Amino acid sequence: MRLGGGLLRARPATPVGARAAPQPMNPTPPRQFHIRGVTAEGRTFRPSDWAERLAGAMSSFRPGGSTGGIGAYIGYSPYCVPQVIDGVKCVLVNEALQGIEPMAWDFVMNFARDNGLPVVDVLPKSQ
């Protein structure tokens, strides 16, 4: 039988119990950034719990979405996590947040910009 100029061929059947080959994943993982809690003038950003507040505001953005109801728990999103690096409060932001919710990504990046906080690209560890 012809369809669109080519032959229509049946795909070979997959044997019972065999699995199809996995599709290749995106070879480049999403980048990560630190928002550092030191202003361009070198002052510690206040309030002292800013990183926890920012990460808390982003806590509902999780892989698979937010799980509300009785199964919900308090915790940070893996895409926006507070950390302390070299004694400086930071927030680790994963670029995957942009694909999940662009407005949340814009909120976090605009927060850093509006408050004069540096955003530093986290380089992947070499293997």
Protein backbone atom coordinates (compact mmCIF):
# COMPACT_ATOMS: atom_id res chain seq x y z
CA MET A 1 0.00 0.00 0.00
CA ARG A 2 1.32 3.48 -0.86
CA LEU A 3 0.87 6.43 1.43
CA GLY A 4 2.44 9.80 0.75
CA GLY A 5 4.80 8.49 -1.89
CA GLY A 6 6.35 5.79 0.31
CA LEU A 7 5.48 2.31 1.31
CA LEU A 8 3.56 1.77 4.48
CA ARG A 9 5.28 -0.98 6.41
CA ALA A 10 4.19 -2.61 9.60
CA ARG A 11 6.55 -2.26 12.54
CA PRO A 12 7.94 -5.51 13.81
CA ALA A 13 6.18 -6.69 16.92
CA THR A 14 7.98 -6.24 20.21
CA PRO A 15 8.44 -9.61 21.90
CA VAL A 16 6.37 -10.11 25.05
CA GLY A 17 8.32 -8.96 28.10
CA ALA A 18 10.80 -6.92 26.05
CA ARG A 19 11.05 -3.21 26.63
CA ALA A 20 11.42 -0.55 24.01
CA ALA A 21 14.74 1.29 23.99
CA PRO A 22 14.57 4.46 26.07
CA GLN A 23 14.44 7.71 24.19
CA PRO A 24 17.57 9.86 24.56
CA MET A 25 17.28 12.54 27.20
CA ASN A 26 18.32 16.14 26.77
CA PRO A 27 22.12 15.86 27.04
CA THR A 28 22.49 19.30 28.61
CA PRO A 29 21.13 19.51 32.16
CA PRO A 30 19.50 22.79 33.23
CA ARG A 31 21.91 25.40 34.54
CA GLN A 32 21.88 26.45 38.16
CA PHE A 33 22.49 29.87 39.65
CA HIS A 34 23.24 31.24 43.10
CA ILE A 35 21.61 34.48 44.15
CA ARG A 36 24.14 35.79 46.66
CA GLY A 37 22.97 37.75 49.70
CA VAL A 38 25.57 40.50 49.37
CA THR A 39 24.66 43.74 47.60
CA ALA A 40 26.83 45.37 44.93
CA GLU A 41 28.04 47.74 47.70
CA GLY A 42 29.28 44.73 49.70
CA ARG A 43 26.59 44.87 52.40
CA THR A 44 24.80 41.80 53.75
CA PHE A 45 21.27 41.74 52.39
CA ARG A 46 18.50 42.09 54.98
CA PRO A 47 16.29 40.74 56.42
CA SER A 48 18.47 37.89 57.62
CA ASP A 49 15.90 35.27 56.55
CA TRP A 50 15.49 36.58 52.98
CA ALA A 51 16.73 33.32 51.41
CA GLU A 52 14.25 31.18 53.34
CA ARG A 53 11.42 33.59 52.50
CA LEU A 54 12.22 33.59 48.78
CA ALA A 55 12.59 29.81 48.65
CA GLY A 56 9.38 29.45 50.67
CA ALA A 57 7.49 31.56 48.14
CA MET A 58 8.68 29.16 45.41
CA SER A 59 7.99 25.97 47.41
CA SER A 60 4.93 24.94 45.39
CA PHE A 61 6.92 24.66 42.15
CA ARG A 62 7.98 21.01 42.24
CA PRO A 63 8.42 18.16 39.80
CA GLY A 64 4.93 16.89 39.08
CA GLY A 65 3.32 20.02 40.55
CA SER A 66 2.08 20.80 44.02
CA THR A 67 0.49 18.05 46.04
CA GLY A 68 -2.22 19.68 48.08
CA GLY A 69 -4.45 18.25 50.71
CA ILE A 70 -3.56 15.70 53.32
CA GLY A 71 -0.46 14.54 51.42
CA ALA A 72 1.07 18.01 51.37
CA TYR A 73 4.14 18.76 53.44
CA ILE A 74 6.26 21.77 54.20
CA GLY A 75 9.51 21.86 52.27
CA TYR A 76 11.43 23.72 49.63
CA SER A 77 11.16 23.15 45.91
CA PRO A 78 14.22 21.45 44.42
CA TYR A 79 14.28 24.35 41.93
CA CYS A 80 14.81 27.07 44.57
CA VAL A 81 16.76 26.13 47.70
CA PRO A 82 18.30 28.36 50.40
CA GLN A 83 21.97 27.69 51.16
CA VAL A 84 24.92 29.23 52.96
CA ILE A 85 28.11 29.41 50.89
CA ASP A 86 31.31 30.75 52.41
CA GLY A 87 29.25 32.31 55.20
CA VAL A 88 26.93 34.14 52.78
CA LYS A 89 23.21 33.35 52.50
CA CYS A 90 22.31 32.34 48.95
CA VAL A 91 19.46 30.80 47.03
CA LEU A 92 20.25 28.06 44.51
CA VAL A 93 17.89 28.46 41.55
CA ASN A 94 17.56 25.78 38.87
CA GLU A 95 16.86 26.95 35.31
CA ALA A 96 14.24 24.18 35.03
CA LEU A 97 11.94 26.53 36.98
CA GLN A 98 11.72 28.68 33.86
CA GLY A 99 10.25 25.78 31.88
CA ILE A 100 7.78 24.90 34.61
CA GLU A 101 6.56 28.41 35.39
CA PRO A 102 8.12 31.36 33.52
CA MET A 103 6.45 33.88 35.85
CA ALA A 104 8.05 32.25 38.91
CA TRP A 105 11.45 32.36 37.17
CA ASP A 106 10.93 36.04 36.33
CA PHE A 107 9.91 36.76 39.92
CA VAL A 108 13.10 35.22 41.33
CA MET A 109 15.40 36.86 38.78
CA ASN A 110 13.68 40.25 39.17
CA PHE A 111 13.99 39.94 42.95
CA ALA A 112 17.76 39.60 42.57
CA ARG A 113 17.98 42.47 40.08
CA ASP A 114 15.70 44.84 42.00
CA ASN A 115 17.69 44.29 45.21
CA GLY A 116 21.13 44.52 43.61
CA LEU A 117 22.01 40.89 44.42
CA PRO A 118 24.54 39.14 42.17
CA VAL A 119 23.43 36.05 40.25
CA VAL A 120 26.32 33.64 39.77
CA ASP A 121 26.28 30.74 37.34
CA VAL A 122 27.09 27.46 39.13
CA LEU A 123 29.50 25.54 36.97
CA PRO A 124 28.90 21.80 36.72
CA LYS A 125 31.50 19.61 38.36
CA SER A 126 33.90 18.11 35.85
CA GLN A 127 33.96 14.36 35.75
